[in-house]
Every structure is written in C-alpha cells, then in structure tokens.
Amino acid sequence: MKRIISLSMSLLSLLLPLAGHASSASSASIPVGTYPKFLAVNQATNRVYVSNFVSNNVSVIDGDSNSVVATIPVGESPESIDVNAVTNVAYVANLSSNTVSVIDGNTNTVTASIAGFSSPYGVTVDAVTNQVFVSNLGSSSVSVIDGSSNAIIAVVTVGGGPAGVRVNSALNIVYAVNSGPGTVSVIDGQTDTVTNTFNLPQGAEPNLIALDPITNRLFITNGVPALVYVVDASSGSLLATITGSNAAFEFVGGVAMFQPGKTVLIADKSRNVVVDFAESTYAATAGLRGGNGPMGIAVNRQTGKIYVAESGNGTVNVYTQPK
C-alpha cells in the first residue's frame, strides 16, 4: 500500500516510534468541539459525525470540503456514535444524561432524545433491521432501539460494564465487550438473547471493538496492559495479541478496519500515532502522524479518507489514502 512519507525536521522526533515504517501526514486538521472522542461516517452522504465529550455536542463534517457544516447540541458527555446510512439518521450515547440522541442527517437536528438507559456508552446500528444496540455501563445490559419508533424494544442482560458493541448485519449478530469480567457477549439480533460468551485472557479490561466481516475477526482494545486482542468471531478463540509496533502501546484509543481482510488501524493515544497493522502478520506497516491524543477512527472507503478524533486539541485529522 502506497504511503506518503513526510520527514521534516519538526516531525522527525515524532516518527521515531515508527522507525522503518512509512508515515503519512494529515491532509487537513478540522477544528471541532472540546475533547472529541468518537466518529461515524455516512458514506452515502459523505458526512462525518463527531461526538464532543466535554462540549456536549456533535460536529458534522462535510467530507468534500473538510469543514464543519453543523454543530448539534446533544446530551451530557456524548460517547459512541453510529449512523444508519439507509435512513440518514445518527445515534449518539450520552453517558451522563442516560439518553440517546437521534439526529436527522437531512436537517442536522435532534429529532428525539430517548431515555431509559444507564450510563450508555457503545452504539452500533444494524441498517438491515433498522435497530440500534446501546451498551449500558451502569446496568450490565444492552438496550435495543427500534429505529422506526425510537422506542426501546428489548433489554439484553450481558456481563458487567459493557462498553464497545459491534453488529454483523449479514449474520444479525451483535458483539458486546464486558469490561468487568473480561468477556464478549454474543447476541442473536433476531431473538435479542445471548447465545454465547467468549472469555478473554485472565485480567483483561476490554473497551472498544471492531469487526472484520471478511475474515470474521474481532479486534478488541484493552486497558491495562495496553493491547488489542484478535478473536475469532465464530469460536471465540484468541488468534493473536497486538502489543505495539516498534514499541509497546502506552494507551490504546480507537480501532477500526481500514481495508477489511487486509489492514486494521489502531490508535496509540499517548504516542499520538495511529498504526496500520497487516492482518496477515499483525505487523505494523505504516503510521498516521500529526495528532494530539488520537481516540476514535472512522474510514470512508468510498473516498479513501481516514478520520481521527484528536482529543487533546479538539480537532479531527483527515488522511487521504489510495482507495
């Protein structure tokens, strides 16, 4: 994969952790709200939604102009965000308000504020069934929202402290990582029941999750020690443990698929780098540099753009890579 190498003297010291690997500089740095954490891309409209944890709003970025076209007030402490590209609706979990804000992508307004959650954190949308799955950190459960009525239609009991959630729409399966017991709950999206529980290594502190639908692998970030578990999504078998590139991770932020079946992006928040790992070897092949506290990562595969929420300076960095 071709990478644009930037080795100016001002960046040379920052590139040392990725010595031997190509590193791309951002093509744009877009000011958003205070402490941006997570992002979601609507590839149909080429809009990017950014949850700003401290300023309690969502920034909407136009992917063509790399500019903020709307700032939408939501609840307190917005965390994860996801988009239904079919209905052009975004959903954001408001941790401190115990609500989920529903955003109309056509008008950039909040059309509903759904209550009944307990410290909601993770959000994932199944566009096929028009359902939204929200993890409740405070109640060891995952709530299921009907996207047509904005009503909670089921509450699924999982493990303690559920954080990241991810749906496989093709299989109608949802995965929820439980930070307390260090497990992954497998939820049947048709019956809204837990059909399996995967155990991670003893002492695991899982947080976020990404799914590669081609290889059917889960990439699960861990707190202490900072690493990423690679898990077979069918059997729950641990396939690999990614601990860093040339140096060990210090603080794993977000994780996202860049090219499903080929590469995964992992943010090291403390080192201000997003590393590209090959799925065949789990070796670092490239890096994205120039940020400040990278957290969430989102990819628009239609445009080849990568978006990284930089929590330290209130920006979103944009990287343009070959499609």
Protein backbone atom coordinates (compact mmCIF):
# COMPACT_ATOMS: atom_id res chain seq x y z
CA MET A 1 0.00 0.00 0.00
CA LYS A 2 1.42 3.32 -1.03
CA ARG A 3 2.11 5.83 1.72
CA ILE A 4 3.14 9.47 1.56
CA ILE A 5 6.32 9.95 3.61
CA SER A 6 6.82 13.20 5.48
CA LEU A 7 10.18 13.53 7.24
CA SER A 8 10.54 17.23 8.01
CA MET A 9 12.88 18.01 10.92
CA SER A 10 9.97 19.22 13.04
CA LEU A 11 8.33 15.80 12.78
CA LEU A 12 11.44 13.64 12.91
CA SER A 13 11.33 13.08 16.66
CA LEU A 14 7.66 12.14 16.46
CA LEU A 15 8.38 9.49 13.84
CA LEU A 16 10.93 7.57 15.90
CA PRO A 17 8.43 5.07 17.37
CA LEU A 18 7.61 4.00 13.80
CA ALA A 19 11.17 3.88 12.50
CA GLY A 20 11.28 1.64 9.45
CA HIS A 21 7.63 2.19 8.57
CA ALA A 22 6.10 4.75 6.21
CA SER A 23 4.21 7.58 7.89
CA SER A 24 1.55 9.82 6.36
CA ALA A 25 0.90 13.42 7.37
CA SER A 26 -2.69 14.62 7.63
CA SER A 27 -4.19 16.40 4.63
CA ALA A 28 -6.45 18.52 6.85
CA SER A 29 -6.97 19.33 10.53
CA ILE A 30 -10.55 20.38 11.25
CA PRO A 31 -11.46 22.22 14.50
CA VAL A 32 -14.48 20.65 16.19
CA GLY A 33 -15.72 20.67 19.80
CA THR A 34 -13.97 20.09 23.11
CA TYR A 35 -12.48 16.62 23.64
CA PRO A 36 -13.75 14.82 20.56
CA LYS A 37 -13.83 11.07 21.16
CA PHE A 38 -15.69 9.06 18.53
CA LEU A 39 -16.73 9.38 14.90
CA ALA A 40 -19.06 7.78 12.39
CA VAL A 41 -19.17 8.18 8.61
CA ASN A 42 -22.23 8.18 6.41
CA GLN A 43 -20.71 7.08 3.11
CA ALA A 44 -23.95 7.76 1.24
CA THR A 45 -23.92 11.48 2.11
CA ASN A 46 -20.16 11.87 2.71
CA ARG A 47 -20.80 13.35 6.15
CA VAL A 48 -18.78 12.64 9.30
CA TYR A 49 -20.30 12.85 12.79
CA VAL A 50 -18.05 13.61 15.77
CA SER A 51 -19.07 13.30 19.43
CA ASN A 52 -17.50 16.06 21.55
CA PHE A 53 -17.41 14.72 25.10
CA VAL A 54 -16.83 17.95 27.03
CA SER A 55 -18.77 20.46 24.92
CA ASN A 56 -21.84 18.17 24.79
CA ASN A 57 -22.41 18.41 21.07
CA VAL A 58 -21.86 16.66 17.76
CA SER A 59 -19.90 18.23 14.92
CA VAL A 60 -20.97 17.40 11.36
CA ILE A 61 -18.16 17.48 8.80
CA ASP A 62 -18.69 17.72 5.06
CA GLY A 63 -16.29 15.20 3.50
CA ASP A 64 -15.89 17.19 0.29
CA SER A 65 -14.86 20.49 1.84
CA ASN A 66 -13.32 19.15 5.09
CA SER A 67 -15.33 21.74 7.01
CA VAL A 68 -17.85 21.70 9.86
CA VAL A 69 -21.31 22.37 8.45
CA ALA A 70 -23.28 21.99 11.69
CA THR A 71 -22.81 21.77 15.44
CA ILE A 72 -25.66 19.94 17.15
CA PRO A 73 -26.32 20.15 20.93
CA VAL A 74 -26.96 16.71 22.45
CA GLY A 75 -26.96 15.29 25.98
CA GLU A 76 -24.19 15.38 28.56
CA SER A 77 -20.93 13.53 27.87
CA PRO A 78 -21.64 12.11 24.40
CA GLU A 79 -19.68 8.93 23.77
CA SER A 80 -20.03 6.47 20.89
CA ILE A 81 -21.90 7.41 17.75
CA ASP A 82 -23.12 5.45 14.74
CA VAL A 83 -25.10 6.15 11.57
CA ASN A 84 -27.83 4.38 9.62
CA ALA A 85 -26.89 5.30 6.06
CA VAL A 86 -30.20 3.96 4.73
CA THR A 87 -32.37 6.28 6.83
CA ASN A 88 -29.74 9.04 7.18
CA VAL A 89 -30.06 9.05 10.96
CA ALA A 90 -27.25 9.21 13.54
CA TYR A 91 -27.40 7.97 17.13
CA VAL A 92 -25.16 9.16 19.97
CA ALA A 93 -24.98 7.76 23.51
CA ASN A 94 -24.99 10.45 26.21
CA LEU A 95 -23.19 8.91 29.17
CA SER A 96 -24.14 11.38 31.90
CA SER A 97 -27.66 12.15 30.65
CA ASN A 98 -28.61 8.47 30.36
CA THR A 99 -30.11 9.21 26.95
CA VAL A 100 -29.53 8.56 23.26
CA SER A 101 -29.88 11.50 20.89
CA VAL A 102 -31.39 10.80 17.47
CA ILE A 103 -30.05 13.12 14.75
CA ASP A 104 -31.74 13.69 11.39
CA GLY A 105 -28.95 13.86 8.80
CA ASN A 106 -31.09 15.92 6.42
CA THR A 107 -31.77 18.77 8.84
CA ASN A 108 -28.88 18.31 11.31
CA THR A 109 -31.30 18.48 14.22
CA VAL A 110 -32.09 16.23 17.17
CA THR A 111 -35.50 14.71 16.49
CA ALA A 112 -35.71 12.58 19.63
CA SER A 113 -33.99 12.07 22.96
CA ILE A 114 -34.56 8.51 24.09
CA ALA A 115 -34.45 7.92 27.87
CA GLY A 116 -34.23 4.72 29.87
CA PHE A 117 -30.52 3.93 29.73
CA SER A 118 -27.90 3.52 32.45
CA SER A 119 -24.63 5.25 31.55
CA PRO A 120 -24.94 4.45 27.82
CA TYR A 121 -21.58 4.11 26.13
CA GLY A 122 -21.39 1.98 22.99
CA VAL A 123 -23.66 2.30 19.94
CA THR A 124 -23.95 0.15 16.84
CA VAL A 125 -26.58 0.30 14.08
CA ASP A 126 -27.97 -2.58 12.05
CA ALA A 127 -29.18 -0.85 8.89
CA VAL A 128 -30.75 -4.08 7.62
CA THR A 129 -33.16 -4.45 10.54
CA ASN A 130 -33.22 -0.73 11.42
CA GLN A 131 -32.30 -1.48 15.01
CA VAL A 132 -29.79 0.23 17.29
CA PHE A 133 -27.88 -1.54 20.05
CA VAL A 134 -26.66 0.51 23.04
CA SER A 135 -24.45 -0.77 25.85
CA ASN A 136 -25.31 0.32 29.40
CA LEU A 137 -22.17 0.58 31.51
CA GLY A 138 -24.25 1.01 34.64
CA SER A 139 -26.62 -1.92 34.33
CA SER A 140 -24.78 -4.81 32.64
CA SER A 141 -27.13 -4.75 29.68
CA VAL A 142 -27.57 -3.85 26.03
CA SER A 143 -30.70 -1.94 25.03
CA VAL A 144 -32.29 -2.46 21.61
CA ILE A 145 -33.94 0.52 19.89
CA ASP A 146 -36.43 0.26 17.06
CA GLY A 147 -35.26 2.84 14.54
CA SER A 148 -38.78 3.39 13.22
CA SER A 149 -40.41 4.27 16.55
CA ASN A 150 -37.34 5.33 18.60
CA ALA A 151 -38.60 3.00 21.32
CA ILE A 152 -36.58 0.54 23.39
CA ILE A 153 -37.98 -2.85 22.41
CA ALA A 154 -35.65 -5.13 24.39
CA VAL A 155 -33.01 -5.10 27.12
CA VAL A 156 -30.47 -7.91 26.93
CA THR A 157 -28.53 -8.87 30.07
CA VAL A 158 -24.81 -9.29 29.38
CA GLY A 159 -21.66 -9.12 31.53
CA GLY A 160 -20.64 -6.34 33.89
CA GLY A 161 -19.63 -2.97 32.47
CA PRO A 162 -20.48 -3.50 28.79
CA ALA A 163 -18.60 -0.97 26.67
CA GLY A 164 -17.96 -1.37 22.94
CA VAL A 165 -20.61 -3.01 20.75
CA ARG A 166 -20.48 -4.03 17.10
CA VAL A 167 -23.03 -5.62 14.77
CA ASN A 168 -22.53 -8.06 11.92
CA SER A 169 -25.55 -7.14 9.82
CA ALA A 170 -25.07 -10.03 7.41
CA LEU A 171 -25.43 -12.54 10.25
CA ASN A 172 -27.71 -10.45 12.50
CA ILE A 173 -25.28 -10.89 15.40
CA VAL A 174 -24.14 -8.29 17.93
CA TYR A 175 -20.94 -8.45 19.97
CA ALA A 176 -20.67 -6.61 23.30
CA VAL A 177 -17.41 -6.44 25.27
CA ASN A 178 -17.81 -6.60 29.04
CA SER A 179 -15.09 -4.66 30.84
CA GLY A 180 -15.83 -6.16 34.27
CA PRO A 181 -15.44 -9.91 33.73
CA GLY A 182 -13.31 -9.52 30.60
CA THR A 183 -15.71 -11.30 28.26
CA VAL A 184 -17.56 -10.84 24.98
CA SER A 185 -21.31 -11.47 24.83
CA VAL A 186 -22.70 -12.75 21.53
CA ILE A 187 -26.29 -11.55 20.95
CA ASP A 188 -28.72 -13.01 18.41
CA GLY A 189 -30.29 -9.95 16.80
CA GLN A 190 -33.47 -11.82 15.91
CA THR A 191 -34.30 -13.09 19.39
CA ASP A 192 -32.36 -10.49 21.40
CA THR A 193 -30.79 -13.19 23.54
CA VAL A 194 -27.20 -14.04 24.45
CA THR A 195 -26.22 -17.21 22.59
CA ASN A 196 -22.56 -17.41 23.59
CA THR A 197 -19.94 -15.79 25.82
CA PHE A 198 -16.27 -15.58 24.83
CA ASN A 199 -13.68 -15.44 27.61
CA LEU A 200 -10.69 -13.18 27.08
CA PRO A 201 -7.38 -13.81 28.90
CA GLN A 202 -7.48 -13.52 32.68
CA GLY A 203 -7.26 -9.93 33.85
CA ALA A 204 -8.48 -8.48 30.55
CA GLU A 205 -10.01 -4.99 30.59
CA PRO A 206 -11.73 -4.77 27.18
CA ASN A 207 -13.15 -1.49 25.96
CA LEU A 208 -13.73 -0.96 22.23
CA ILE A 209 -14.34 -3.41 19.41
CA ALA A 210 -14.03 -3.55 15.63
CA LEU A 211 -15.26 -6.30 13.31
CA ASP A 212 -13.71 -7.52 10.07
CA PRO A 213 -16.67 -9.03 8.21
CA ILE A 214 -14.41 -10.65 5.60
CA THR A 215 -12.19 -12.64 7.97
CA ASN A 216 -14.88 -12.71 10.69
CA ARG A 217 -12.43 -11.47 13.30
CA LEU A 218 -12.95 -9.17 16.26
CA PHE A 219 -10.35 -6.59 17.28
CA ILE A 220 -10.80 -5.69 20.95
CA THR A 221 -8.87 -2.93 22.70
CA ASN A 222 -7.65 -3.49 26.25
CA GLY A 223 -6.88 -1.03 29.03
CA VAL A 224 -4.04 -2.38 31.19
CA PRO A 225 -1.87 -3.68 29.70
CA ALA A 226 -2.46 -1.63 26.58
CA LEU A 227 -3.01 -4.07 23.72
CA VAL A 228 -5.51 -5.38 21.17
CA TYR A 229 -6.92 -8.91 21.21
CA VAL A 230 -7.73 -10.58 17.89
CA VAL A 231 -10.59 -13.05 18.36
CA ASP A 232 -12.33 -15.47 16.00
CA ALA A 233 -15.91 -14.16 15.90
CA SER A 234 -17.37 -17.66 15.44
CA SER A 235 -15.50 -19.68 18.05
CA GLY A 236 -14.19 -17.03 20.41
CA SER A 237 -10.66 -18.38 20.03
CA LEU A 238 -7.83 -15.93 20.69
CA LEU A 239 -5.91 -15.66 17.40
CA ALA A 240 -3.34 -13.01 18.28
CA THR A 241 -2.41 -10.26 20.70
CA ILE A 242 -1.16 -6.99 19.20
CA THR A 243 1.04 -5.19 21.72
CA GLY A 244 2.50 -2.38 19.62
CA SER A 245 4.72 -1.55 16.68
CA ASN A 246 8.42 -0.85 17.33
CA ALA A 247 7.48 -0.11 20.93
CA ALA A 248 4.68 -1.30 23.19
CA PHE A 249 1.38 0.58 23.17
CA GLU A 250 1.01 3.07 26.00
CA PHE A 251 -2.71 3.85 25.76
CA VAL A 252 -4.88 2.24 23.10
CA GLY A 253 -7.54 4.61 21.78
CA GLY A 254 -9.74 3.59 18.89
CA VAL A 255 -9.60 0.65 16.49
CA ALA A 256 -11.13 0.47 13.01
CA MET A 257 -10.88 -1.55 9.82
CA PHE A 258 -9.08 0.31 7.03
CA GLN A 259 -9.23 -2.42 4.37
CA PRO A 260 -11.29 -5.37 5.63
CA GLY A 261 -9.39 -8.59 5.19
CA LYS A 262 -6.09 -6.71 4.91
CA THR A 263 -5.40 -3.95 7.42
CA VAL A 264 -6.60 -2.60 10.76
CA LEU A 265 -5.92 0.84 12.27
CA ILE A 266 -5.10 1.17 15.97
CA ALA A 267 -4.63 4.49 17.81
CA ASP A 268 -1.97 4.89 20.49
CA LYS A 269 -3.30 7.94 22.34
CA SER A 270 -0.19 8.54 24.45
CA ARG A 271 2.22 8.44 21.49
CA ASN A 272 -0.04 10.46 19.19
CA VAL A 273 0.05 7.89 16.42
CA VAL A 274 -2.37 5.67 14.51
CA VAL A 275 -0.68 2.48 13.32
CA ASP A 276 -1.65 0.40 10.29
CA PHE A 277 -1.32 -3.35 11.00
CA ALA A 278 -1.43 -6.09 8.37
CA GLU A 279 -3.95 -8.79 9.21
CA SER A 280 -1.78 -11.49 7.67
CA THR A 281 1.12 -10.92 10.07
CA TYR A 282 -0.21 -8.33 12.58
CA ALA A 283 2.98 -6.39 11.90
CA ALA A 284 2.97 -2.59 11.69
CA THR A 285 3.27 -1.44 8.08
CA ALA A 286 2.59 2.30 8.28
CA GLY A 287 1.52 5.14 10.55
CA LEU A 288 -0.59 8.28 10.55
CA ARG A 289 1.07 11.14 12.39
CA GLY A 290 0.46 14.71 13.44
CA GLY A 291 -2.31 14.43 16.02
CA ASN A 292 -2.77 15.10 19.73
CA GLY A 293 -4.38 12.32 21.74
CA PRO A 294 -5.98 10.26 18.94
CA MET A 295 -9.10 8.39 20.01
CA GLY A 296 -11.86 7.41 17.58
CA ILE A 297 -11.14 6.36 14.00
CA ALA A 298 -13.55 6.25 11.06
CA VAL A 299 -12.97 5.32 7.42
CA ASN A 300 -14.88 6.36 4.31
CA ARG A 301 -14.00 3.62 1.84
CA GLN A 302 -15.75 5.45 -0.98
CA THR A 303 -13.37 8.42 -0.79
CA GLY A 304 -10.33 6.72 0.75
CA LYS A 305 -10.31 9.17 3.67
CA ILE A 306 -9.45 8.30 7.26
CA TYR A 307 -10.77 10.48 10.09
CA VAL A 308 -9.16 10.57 13.54
CA ALA A 309 -10.62 12.40 16.56
CA GLU A 310 -7.79 14.21 18.34
CA SER A 311 -8.97 14.55 21.94
CA GLY A 312 -6.03 16.69 23.03
CA ASN A 313 -6.58 19.68 20.76
CA GLY A 314 -10.22 19.49 19.66
CA THR A 315 -9.65 18.62 16.03
CA VAL A 316 -10.30 15.86 13.53
CA ASN A 317 -7.35 14.94 11.36
CA VAL A 318 -8.04 13.78 7.83
CA TYR A 319 -5.73 11.41 5.96
CA THR A 320 -6.20 10.71 2.27
CA GLN A 321 -5.05 7.26 1.21
CA PRO A 322 -5.42 5.37 -2.07
CA LYS A 323 -8.74 3.56 -2.32
